[in-house]
All heavy atoms as atom14 arrays in JSON, in Angstrom:
{
  "sequence": "YDFGRLGQVTLSVGATINRVPDNDISIVNRVKQALLKAKQDGGACV",
  "atom14_mask": [
    [1, 1, 1, 1, 1, 1, 1, 1, 1, 1, 1, 1, 0, 0],
    [1, 1, 1, 1, 1, 1, 1, 1, 0, 0, 0, 0, 0, 0],
    [1, 1, 1, 1, 1, 1, 1, 1, 1, 1, 1, 0, 0, 0],
    [1, 1, 1, 1, 0, 0, 0, 0, 0, 0, 0, 0, 0, 0],
    [1, 1, 1, 1, 1, 1, 1, 1, 1, 1, 1, 0, 0, 0],
    [1, 1, 1, 1, 1, 1, 1, 1, 0, 0, 0, 0, 0, 0],
    [1, 1, 1, 1, 0, 0, 0, 0, 0, 0, 0, 0, 0, 0],
    [1, 1, 1, 1, 1, 1, 1, 1, 1, 0, 0, 0, 0, 0],
    [1, 1, 1, 1, 1, 1, 1, 0, 0, 0, 0, 0, 0, 0],
    [1, 1, 1, 1, 1, 1, 1, 0, 0, 0, 0, 0, 0, 0],
    [1, 1, 1, 1, 1, 1, 1, 1, 0, 0, 0, 0, 0, 0],
    [1, 1, 1, 1, 1, 1, 0, 0, 0, 0, 0, 0, 0, 0],
    [1, 1, 1, 1, 1, 1, 1, 0, 0, 0, 0, 0, 0, 0],
    [1, 1, 1, 1, 0, 0, 0, 0, 0, 0, 0, 0, 0, 0],
    [1, 1, 1, 1, 1, 0, 0, 0, 0, 0, 0, 0, 0, 0],
    [1, 1, 1, 1, 1, 1, 1, 0, 0, 0, 0, 0, 0, 0],
    [1, 1, 1, 1, 1, 1, 1, 1, 0, 0, 0, 0, 0, 0],
    [1, 1, 1, 1, 1, 1, 1, 1, 0, 0, 0, 0, 0, 0],
    [1, 1, 1, 1, 1, 1, 1, 1, 1, 1, 1, 0, 0, 0],
    [1, 1, 1, 1, 1, 1, 1, 0, 0, 0, 0, 0, 0, 0],
    [1, 1, 1, 1, 1, 1, 1, 0, 0, 0, 0, 0, 0, 0],
    [1, 1, 1, 1, 1, 1, 1, 1, 0, 0, 0, 0, 0, 0],
    [1, 1, 1, 1, 1, 1, 1, 1, 0, 0, 0, 0, 0, 0],
    [1, 1, 1, 1, 1, 1, 1, 1, 0, 0, 0, 0, 0, 0],
    [1, 1, 1, 1, 1, 1, 1, 1, 0, 0, 0, 0, 0, 0],
    [1, 1, 1, 1, 1, 1, 0, 0, 0, 0, 0, 0, 0, 0],
    [1, 1, 1, 1, 1, 1, 1, 1, 0, 0, 0, 0, 0, 0],
    [1, 1, 1, 1, 1, 1, 1, 0, 0, 0, 0, 0, 0, 0],
    [1, 1, 1, 1, 1, 1, 1, 1, 0, 0, 0, 0, 0, 0],
    [1, 1, 1, 1, 1, 1, 1, 1, 1, 1, 1, 0, 0, 0],
    [1, 1, 1, 1, 1, 1, 1, 0, 0, 0, 0, 0, 0, 0],
    [1, 1, 1, 1, 1, 1, 1, 1, 1, 0, 0, 0, 0, 0],
    [1, 1, 1, 1, 1, 1, 1, 1, 1, 0, 0, 0, 0, 0],
    [1, 1, 1, 1, 1, 0, 0, 0, 0, 0, 0, 0, 0, 0],
    [1, 1, 1, 1, 1, 1, 1, 1, 0, 0, 0, 0, 0, 0],
    [1, 1, 1, 1, 1, 1, 1, 1, 0, 0, 0, 0, 0, 0],
    [1, 1, 1, 1, 1, 1, 1, 1, 1, 0, 0, 0, 0, 0],
    [1, 1, 1, 1, 1, 0, 0, 0, 0, 0, 0, 0, 0, 0],
    [1, 1, 1, 1, 1, 1, 1, 1, 1, 0, 0, 0, 0, 0],
    [1, 1, 1, 1, 1, 1, 1, 1, 1, 0, 0, 0, 0, 0],
    [1, 1, 1, 1, 1, 1, 1, 1, 0, 0, 0, 0, 0, 0],
    [1, 1, 1, 1, 0, 0, 0, 0, 0, 0, 0, 0, 0, 0],
    [1, 1, 1, 1, 0, 0, 0, 0, 0, 0, 0, 0, 0, 0],
    [1, 1, 1, 1, 1, 0, 0, 0, 0, 0, 0, 0, 0, 0],
    [1, 1, 1, 1, 1, 1, 0, 0, 0, 0, 0, 0, 0, 0],
    [1, 1, 1, 1, 1, 1, 1, 0, 0, 0, 0, 0, 0, 0]
  ],
  "atom14_positions": [
    [[25.01, 98.52, 23.05], [25.93, 99.6, 23.29], [25.11, 100.9, 23.71], [24.07, 101.17, 23.16], [26.77, 99.99, 21.92], [27.81, 101.0, 22.13], [29.08, 100.59, 22.63], [27.6, 102.32, 21.89], [30.15, 101.49, 22.84], [28.61, 103.35, 22.08], [29.85, 102.92, 22.48], [30.81, 103.76, 22.72], [0.0, 0.0, 0.0], [0.0, 0.0, 0.0]],
    [[25.71, 101.6, 24.61], [25.02, 102.94, 25.05], [25.42, 104.05, 24.19], [26.63, 104.47, 24.32], [25.29, 103.1, 26.55], [24.64, 104.41, 27.03], [23.88, 104.93, 26.39], [25.05, 104.82, 28.2], [0.0, 0.0, 0.0], [0.0, 0.0, 0.0], [0.0, 0.0, 0.0], [0.0, 0.0, 0.0], [0.0, 0.0, 0.0], [0.0, 0.0, 0.0]],
    [[24.65, 104.55, 23.37], [24.96, 105.75, 22.47], [24.64, 107.06, 23.15], [24.66, 108.06, 22.51], [24.23, 105.58, 21.22], [24.87, 104.51, 20.27], [24.32, 103.23, 20.24], [25.89, 104.73, 19.46], [24.81, 102.22, 19.44], [26.43, 103.82, 18.62], [25.86, 102.56, 18.58], [0.0, 0.0, 0.0], [0.0, 0.0, 0.0], [0.0, 0.0, 0.0]],
    [[24.29, 107.07, 24.39], [24.11, 108.28, 25.1], [22.82, 109.02, 24.55], [21.81, 108.46, 24.41], [0.0, 0.0, 0.0], [0.0, 0.0, 0.0], [0.0, 0.0, 0.0], [0.0, 0.0, 0.0], [0.0, 0.0, 0.0], [0.0, 0.0, 0.0], [0.0, 0.0, 0.0], [0.0, 0.0, 0.0], [0.0, 0.0, 0.0], [0.0, 0.0, 0.0]],
    [[23.1, 110.34, 24.33], [21.92, 111.19, 23.84], [21.37, 110.83, 22.5], [20.27, 111.31, 22.14], [22.39, 112.61, 23.86], [23.59, 112.9, 22.89], [23.87, 114.34, 22.91], [25.14, 114.65, 22.22], [25.4, 115.93, 21.67], [24.53, 116.86, 21.81], [26.53, 116.04, 20.99], [0.0, 0.0, 0.0], [0.0, 0.0, 0.0], [0.0, 0.0, 0.0]],
    [[22.14, 109.99, 21.72], [21.63, 109.52, 20.46], [20.5, 108.51, 20.58], [19.83, 108.23, 19.64], [22.75, 108.91, 19.54], [23.97, 109.81, 19.19], [24.93, 109.18, 18.33], [23.37, 111.04, 18.44], [0.0, 0.0, 0.0], [0.0, 0.0, 0.0], [0.0, 0.0, 0.0], [0.0, 0.0, 0.0], [0.0, 0.0, 0.0], [0.0, 0.0, 0.0]],
    [[20.38, 107.93, 21.77], [19.42, 106.97, 21.93], [19.84, 105.61, 21.24], [21.01, 105.21, 21.1], [0.0, 0.0, 0.0], [0.0, 0.0, 0.0], [0.0, 0.0, 0.0], [0.0, 0.0, 0.0], [0.0, 0.0, 0.0], [0.0, 0.0, 0.0], [0.0, 0.0, 0.0], [0.0, 0.0, 0.0], [0.0, 0.0, 0.0], [0.0, 0.0, 0.0]],
    [[18.9, 104.82, 20.84], [19.2, 103.56, 20.14], [19.52, 103.82, 18.66], [18.77, 104.39, 17.96], [18.01, 102.6, 20.2], [18.16, 101.21, 19.69], [19.17, 100.48, 20.48], [19.06, 100.41, 21.74], [20.17, 99.87, 19.91], [0.0, 0.0, 0.0], [0.0, 0.0, 0.0], [0.0, 0.0, 0.0], [0.0, 0.0, 0.0], [0.0, 0.0, 0.0]],
    [[20.71, 103.35, 18.25], [21.18, 103.34, 16.91], [21.04, 101.95, 16.27], [21.66, 101.06, 16.88], [22.56, 103.93, 16.72], [23.09, 103.91, 15.3], [22.66, 105.36, 17.41], [0.0, 0.0, 0.0], [0.0, 0.0, 0.0], [0.0, 0.0, 0.0], [0.0, 0.0, 0.0], [0.0, 0.0, 0.0], [0.0, 0.0, 0.0], [0.0, 0.0, 0.0]],
    [[20.44, 101.89, 15.17], [20.29, 100.51, 14.52], [20.96, 100.49, 13.19], [21.33, 101.47, 12.58], [18.8, 100.13, 14.41], [18.13, 101.09, 13.61], [18.15, 100.17, 15.79], [0.0, 0.0, 0.0], [0.0, 0.0, 0.0], [0.0, 0.0, 0.0], [0.0, 0.0, 0.0], [0.0, 0.0, 0.0], [0.0, 0.0, 0.0], [0.0, 0.0, 0.0]],
    [[21.06, 99.18, 12.69], [21.65, 99.0, 11.37], [20.73, 98.11, 10.53], [19.99, 97.27, 10.97], [23.06, 98.29, 11.56], [24.17, 98.87, 12.35], [25.33, 97.91, 12.49], [24.55, 100.22, 11.89], [0.0, 0.0, 0.0], [0.0, 0.0, 0.0], [0.0, 0.0, 0.0], [0.0, 0.0, 0.0], [0.0, 0.0, 0.0], [0.0, 0.0, 0.0]],
    [[20.91, 98.32, 9.2], [20.21, 97.39, 8.15], [21.39, 96.68, 7.56], [22.38, 97.3, 7.16], [19.43, 98.17, 7.21], [18.37, 98.89, 7.76], [0.0, 0.0, 0.0], [0.0, 0.0, 0.0], [0.0, 0.0, 0.0], [0.0, 0.0, 0.0], [0.0, 0.0, 0.0], [0.0, 0.0, 0.0], [0.0, 0.0, 0.0], [0.0, 0.0, 0.0]],
    [[21.13, 95.36, 7.45], [22.21, 94.5, 6.98], [21.73, 93.62, 5.8], [20.71, 92.93, 5.94], [22.87, 93.57, 8.03], [23.96, 92.74, 7.57], [23.36, 94.43, 9.22], [0.0, 0.0, 0.0], [0.0, 0.0, 0.0], [0.0, 0.0, 0.0], [0.0, 0.0, 0.0], [0.0, 0.0, 0.0], [0.0, 0.0, 0.0], [0.0, 0.0, 0.0]],
    [[22.47, 93.6, 4.67], [22.25, 92.79, 3.61], [23.3, 91.71, 3.43], [24.44, 92.01, 3.75], [0.0, 0.0, 0.0], [0.0, 0.0, 0.0], [0.0, 0.0, 0.0], [0.0, 0.0, 0.0], [0.0, 0.0, 0.0], [0.0, 0.0, 0.0], [0.0, 0.0, 0.0], [0.0, 0.0, 0.0], [0.0, 0.0, 0.0], [0.0, 0.0, 0.0]],
    [[22.94, 90.52, 3.06], [23.92, 89.48, 2.97], [23.76, 88.6, 1.71], [22.64, 88.34, 1.25], [23.73, 88.59, 4.28], [0.0, 0.0, 0.0], [0.0, 0.0, 0.0], [0.0, 0.0, 0.0], [0.0, 0.0, 0.0], [0.0, 0.0, 0.0], [0.0, 0.0, 0.0], [0.0, 0.0, 0.0], [0.0, 0.0, 0.0], [0.0, 0.0, 0.0]],
    [[24.81, 88.1, 1.2], [24.73, 87.24, 0.03], [26.03, 86.38, 0.04], [27.1, 86.78, 0.51], [24.58, 87.97, -1.21], [24.19, 87.02, -2.31], [25.8, 88.7, -1.78], [0.0, 0.0, 0.0], [0.0, 0.0, 0.0], [0.0, 0.0, 0.0], [0.0, 0.0, 0.0], [0.0, 0.0, 0.0], [0.0, 0.0, 0.0], [0.0, 0.0, 0.0]],
    [[25.94, 85.21, -0.61], [27.05, 84.36, -0.89], [27.28, 84.36, -2.41], [26.42, 84.39, -3.17], [26.78, 82.95, -0.37], [26.6, 82.89, 1.13], [27.89, 81.93, -0.77], [27.92, 83.15, 1.84], [0.0, 0.0, 0.0], [0.0, 0.0, 0.0], [0.0, 0.0, 0.0], [0.0, 0.0, 0.0], [0.0, 0.0, 0.0], [0.0, 0.0, 0.0]],
    [[28.62, 84.23, -2.73], [28.95, 84.29, -4.17], [28.38, 83.0, -4.86], [28.23, 81.92, -4.29], [30.4, 84.26, -4.37], [31.14, 83.03, -3.98], [31.13, 82.58, -2.82], [31.77, 82.35, -4.97], [0.0, 0.0, 0.0], [0.0, 0.0, 0.0], [0.0, 0.0, 0.0], [0.0, 0.0, 0.0], [0.0, 0.0, 0.0], [0.0, 0.0, 0.0]],
    [[28.07, 83.13, -6.11], [27.63, 82.07, -6.94], [28.53, 81.86, -8.12], [29.33, 82.72, -8.57], [26.2, 82.42, -7.46], [25.19, 82.63, -6.35], [23.89, 83.11, -6.85], [22.99, 83.32, -5.75], [21.73, 84.06, -5.87], [21.42, 84.38, -7.1], [21.04, 84.19, -4.81], [0.0, 0.0, 0.0], [0.0, 0.0, 0.0], [0.0, 0.0, 0.0]],
    [[28.5, 80.69, -8.77], [29.44, 80.39, -9.9], [29.51, 81.43, -11.02], [30.6, 81.82, -11.42], [29.11, 78.96, -10.42], [30.05, 78.71, -11.61], [29.31, 77.93, -9.36], [0.0, 0.0, 0.0], [0.0, 0.0, 0.0], [0.0, 0.0, 0.0], [0.0, 0.0, 0.0], [0.0, 0.0, 0.0], [0.0, 0.0, 0.0], [0.0, 0.0, 0.0]],
    [[28.33, 81.96, -11.56], [28.47, 82.9, -12.66], [28.73, 84.27, -12.15], [28.72, 85.18, -13.08], [27.05, 82.73, -13.3], [26.13, 82.33, -12.2], [26.99, 81.53, -11.18], [0.0, 0.0, 0.0], [0.0, 0.0, 0.0], [0.0, 0.0, 0.0], [0.0, 0.0, 0.0], [0.0, 0.0, 0.0], [0.0, 0.0, 0.0], [0.0, 0.0, 0.0]],
    [[28.88, 84.57, -10.96], [29.09, 85.91, -10.47], [30.28, 86.64, -11.05], [31.31, 86.01, -11.29], [29.2, 85.99, -8.93], [27.86, 86.19, -8.28], [26.92, 86.67, -8.84], [27.81, 85.64, -7.06], [0.0, 0.0, 0.0], [0.0, 0.0, 0.0], [0.0, 0.0, 0.0], [0.0, 0.0, 0.0], [0.0, 0.0, 0.0], [0.0, 0.0, 0.0]],
    [[30.05, 87.95, -11.19], [31.2, 88.88, -11.46], [31.09, 89.94, -10.33], [30.19, 89.92, -9.53], [31.26, 89.4, -12.86], [29.95, 90.2, -13.2], [29.36, 90.81, -12.42], [29.5, 89.95, -14.49], [0.0, 0.0, 0.0], [0.0, 0.0, 0.0], [0.0, 0.0, 0.0], [0.0, 0.0, 0.0], [0.0, 0.0, 0.0], [0.0, 0.0, 0.0]],
    [[32.05, 90.92, -10.41], [31.97, 91.95, -9.32], [30.74, 92.81, -9.39], [30.4, 93.28, -8.28], [33.24, 92.85, -9.45], [33.45, 93.47, -10.91], [33.14, 92.74, -11.78], [33.75, 94.56, -10.95], [0.0, 0.0, 0.0], [0.0, 0.0, 0.0], [0.0, 0.0, 0.0], [0.0, 0.0, 0.0], [0.0, 0.0, 0.0], [0.0, 0.0, 0.0]],
    [[30.12, 92.93, -10.46], [28.95, 93.81, -10.52], [27.7, 93.01, -9.99], [26.91, 93.54, -9.27], [28.69, 94.21, -12.06], [29.87, 95.16, -12.46], [27.29, 94.92, -12.13], [29.68, 95.5, -13.9], [0.0, 0.0, 0.0], [0.0, 0.0, 0.0], [0.0, 0.0, 0.0], [0.0, 0.0, 0.0], [0.0, 0.0, 0.0], [0.0, 0.0, 0.0]],
    [[27.53, 91.7, -10.47], [26.31, 90.98, -10.12], [26.32, 90.74, -8.55], [25.25, 90.83, -7.96], [26.35, 89.67, -10.8], [27.5, 88.77, -10.51], [0.0, 0.0, 0.0], [0.0, 0.0, 0.0], [0.0, 0.0, 0.0], [0.0, 0.0, 0.0], [0.0, 0.0, 0.0], [0.0, 0.0, 0.0], [0.0, 0.0, 0.0], [0.0, 0.0, 0.0]],
    [[27.35, 90.37, -7.96], [27.34, 90.04, -6.52], [27.14, 91.4, -5.73], [26.45, 91.34, -4.66], [28.78, 89.43, -6.1], [28.56, 88.85, -4.7], [29.86, 90.31, -6.19], [29.65, 87.98, -4.25], [0.0, 0.0, 0.0], [0.0, 0.0, 0.0], [0.0, 0.0, 0.0], [0.0, 0.0, 0.0], [0.0, 0.0, 0.0], [0.0, 0.0, 0.0]],
    [[27.64, 92.52, -6.15], [27.36, 93.69, -5.48], [25.83, 94.14, -5.64], [25.19, 94.6, -4.65], [28.26, 94.94, -6.0], [27.87, 96.2, -5.52], [29.67, 94.65, -5.59], [0.0, 0.0, 0.0], [0.0, 0.0, 0.0], [0.0, 0.0, 0.0], [0.0, 0.0, 0.0], [0.0, 0.0, 0.0], [0.0, 0.0, 0.0], [0.0, 0.0, 0.0]],
    [[25.34, 94.0, -6.81], [23.91, 94.35, -6.95], [23.01, 93.45, -6.15], [21.99, 93.82, -5.6], [23.54, 94.09, -8.53], [24.02, 95.17, -9.35], [24.44, 96.24, -8.88], [24.17, 94.92, -10.72], [0.0, 0.0, 0.0], [0.0, 0.0, 0.0], [0.0, 0.0, 0.0], [0.0, 0.0, 0.0], [0.0, 0.0, 0.0], [0.0, 0.0, 0.0]],
    [[23.41, 92.19, -5.92], [22.59, 91.21, -5.1], [22.58, 91.58, -3.77], [21.54, 91.65, -3.03], [23.07, 89.76, -5.39], [22.07, 88.77, -4.87], [22.33, 87.36, -5.36], [23.57, 86.92, -5.06], [24.61, 86.72, -5.86], [24.49, 86.93, -7.1], [25.8, 86.16, -5.48], [0.0, 0.0, 0.0], [0.0, 0.0, 0.0], [0.0, 0.0, 0.0]],
    [[23.82, 91.99, -3.24], [23.85, 92.33, -1.77], [23.15, 93.6, -1.55], [22.58, 93.88, -0.45], [25.3, 92.36, -1.26], [26.05, 93.58, -1.69], [25.44, 92.17, 0.24], [0.0, 0.0, 0.0], [0.0, 0.0, 0.0], [0.0, 0.0, 0.0], [0.0, 0.0, 0.0], [0.0, 0.0, 0.0], [0.0, 0.0, 0.0], [0.0, 0.0, 0.0]],
    [[23.19, 94.56, -2.55], [22.41, 95.77, -2.39], [20.88, 95.49, -2.35], [20.15, 96.19, -1.57], [22.71, 96.73, -3.58], [24.14, 97.45, -3.39], [24.28, 98.47, -4.55], [25.54, 99.2, -4.39], [25.76, 100.2, -5.46], [0.0, 0.0, 0.0], [0.0, 0.0, 0.0], [0.0, 0.0, 0.0], [0.0, 0.0, 0.0], [0.0, 0.0, 0.0]],
    [[20.42, 94.63, -3.12], [19.03, 94.18, -3.09], [18.56, 93.63, -1.72], [17.54, 93.95, -1.15], [18.8, 93.15, -4.13], [18.78, 93.72, -5.65], [18.7, 92.62, -6.67], [18.4, 91.46, -6.27], [18.91, 92.98, -7.89], [0.0, 0.0, 0.0], [0.0, 0.0, 0.0], [0.0, 0.0, 0.0], [0.0, 0.0, 0.0], [0.0, 0.0, 0.0]],
    [[19.5, 92.89, -1.12], [19.3, 92.41, 0.21], [19.24, 93.46, 1.25], [18.32, 93.52, 2.06], [20.38, 91.36, 0.64], [0.0, 0.0, 0.0], [0.0, 0.0, 0.0], [0.0, 0.0, 0.0], [0.0, 0.0, 0.0], [0.0, 0.0, 0.0], [0.0, 0.0, 0.0], [0.0, 0.0, 0.0], [0.0, 0.0, 0.0], [0.0, 0.0, 0.0]],
    [[20.06, 94.45, 1.08], [20.09, 95.61, 1.98], [18.69, 96.45, 1.83], [18.1, 96.89, 2.83], [21.25, 96.55, 1.69], [21.35, 97.83, 2.49], [21.48, 97.62, 4.02], [22.44, 98.79, 1.98], [0.0, 0.0, 0.0], [0.0, 0.0, 0.0], [0.0, 0.0, 0.0], [0.0, 0.0, 0.0], [0.0, 0.0, 0.0], [0.0, 0.0, 0.0]],
    [[18.32, 96.54, 0.6], [17.05, 97.25, 0.34], [15.88, 96.52, 1.0], [15.0, 97.22, 1.64], [16.8, 97.35, -1.23], [15.58, 98.1, -1.59], [15.62, 99.6, -1.15], [15.41, 98.06, -3.14], [0.0, 0.0, 0.0], [0.0, 0.0, 0.0], [0.0, 0.0, 0.0], [0.0, 0.0, 0.0], [0.0, 0.0, 0.0], [0.0, 0.0, 0.0]],
    [[15.89, 95.2, 0.96], [14.82, 94.5, 1.7], [14.85, 94.78, 3.14], [13.75, 94.92, 3.81], [14.96, 92.88, 1.41], [14.63, 92.51, 0.1], [14.84, 91.03, -0.12], [14.07, 90.15, 0.83], [14.33, 88.74, 0.65], [0.0, 0.0, 0.0], [0.0, 0.0, 0.0], [0.0, 0.0, 0.0], [0.0, 0.0, 0.0], [0.0, 0.0, 0.0]],
    [[16.02, 94.74, 3.78], [16.17, 95.06, 5.14], [15.63, 96.49, 5.5], [14.91, 96.63, 6.47], [17.65, 94.96, 5.61], [0.0, 0.0, 0.0], [0.0, 0.0, 0.0], [0.0, 0.0, 0.0], [0.0, 0.0, 0.0], [0.0, 0.0, 0.0], [0.0, 0.0, 0.0], [0.0, 0.0, 0.0], [0.0, 0.0, 0.0], [0.0, 0.0, 0.0]],
    [[15.97, 97.44, 4.68], [15.5, 98.84, 4.92], [14.02, 98.89, 4.8], [13.27, 99.64, 5.42], [16.13, 99.71, 3.98], [17.71, 99.94, 4.3], [18.37, 100.67, 3.19], [17.97, 102.06, 2.97], [18.62, 102.78, 2.04], [0.0, 0.0, 0.0], [0.0, 0.0, 0.0], [0.0, 0.0, 0.0], [0.0, 0.0, 0.0], [0.0, 0.0, 0.0]],
    [[13.39, 98.17, 3.76], [11.95, 98.22, 3.56], [11.22, 97.53, 4.69], [9.93, 97.93, 4.94], [11.6, 97.42, 2.2], [12.05, 98.23, 0.99], [11.92, 97.46, -0.28], [11.76, 96.21, -0.26], [11.92, 98.2, -1.42], [0.0, 0.0, 0.0], [0.0, 0.0, 0.0], [0.0, 0.0, 0.0], [0.0, 0.0, 0.0], [0.0, 0.0, 0.0]],
    [[11.85, 96.65, 5.41], [11.27, 95.96, 6.53], [11.46, 96.79, 7.89], [11.21, 96.25, 8.93], [11.85, 94.61, 6.73], [11.3, 93.58, 5.68], [10.36, 93.97, 4.96], [11.72, 92.43, 5.69], [0.0, 0.0, 0.0], [0.0, 0.0, 0.0], [0.0, 0.0, 0.0], [0.0, 0.0, 0.0], [0.0, 0.0, 0.0], [0.0, 0.0, 0.0]],
    [[11.84, 98.02, 7.71], [12.06, 98.91, 8.9], [13.45, 99.02, 9.52], [13.6, 99.7, 10.54], [0.0, 0.0, 0.0], [0.0, 0.0, 0.0], [0.0, 0.0, 0.0], [0.0, 0.0, 0.0], [0.0, 0.0, 0.0], [0.0, 0.0, 0.0], [0.0, 0.0, 0.0], [0.0, 0.0, 0.0], [0.0, 0.0, 0.0], [0.0, 0.0, 0.0]],
    [[14.39, 98.31, 8.9], [15.73, 98.41, 9.5], [15.97, 97.45, 10.63], [14.98, 96.73, 11.04], [0.0, 0.0, 0.0], [0.0, 0.0, 0.0], [0.0, 0.0, 0.0], [0.0, 0.0, 0.0], [0.0, 0.0, 0.0], [0.0, 0.0, 0.0], [0.0, 0.0, 0.0], [0.0, 0.0, 0.0], [0.0, 0.0, 0.0], [0.0, 0.0, 0.0]],
    [[17.1, 97.57, 11.29], [17.48, 96.78, 12.46], [17.33, 95.26, 12.19], [16.8, 94.56, 13.09], [16.66, 97.25, 13.68], [0.0, 0.0, 0.0], [0.0, 0.0, 0.0], [0.0, 0.0, 0.0], [0.0, 0.0, 0.0], [0.0, 0.0, 0.0], [0.0, 0.0, 0.0], [0.0, 0.0, 0.0], [0.0, 0.0, 0.0], [0.0, 0.0, 0.0]],
    [[17.63, 94.81, 10.97], [17.51, 93.41, 10.7], [18.51, 92.97, 9.59], [19.16, 93.81, 9.04], [16.07, 93.13, 10.18], [15.55, 93.94, 8.67], [0.0, 0.0, 0.0], [0.0, 0.0, 0.0], [0.0, 0.0, 0.0], [0.0, 0.0, 0.0], [0.0, 0.0, 0.0], [0.0, 0.0, 0.0], [0.0, 0.0, 0.0], [0.0, 0.0, 0.0]],
    [[18.56, 91.61, 9.42], [19.41, 91.01, 8.47], [18.59, 90.36, 7.4], [17.75, 89.54, 7.76], [20.47, 90.04, 9.03], [21.33, 89.42, 8.01], [21.34, 90.77, 10.14], [0.0, 0.0, 0.0], [0.0, 0.0, 0.0], [0.0, 0.0, 0.0], [0.0, 0.0, 0.0], [0.0, 0.0, 0.0], [0.0, 0.0, 0.0], [0.0, 0.0, 0.0]]
  ]
}
């Protein structure tokens, strides 16, 4: 996508699949950890 004067805009993406013992807190915490890994690797990745 051409963002014009903004130049290249990138995203960091975290991903996870639900597990049997998950509740709403545990699955959110896990996907946030995945996002943190993507940001620590410089972004623009999954």
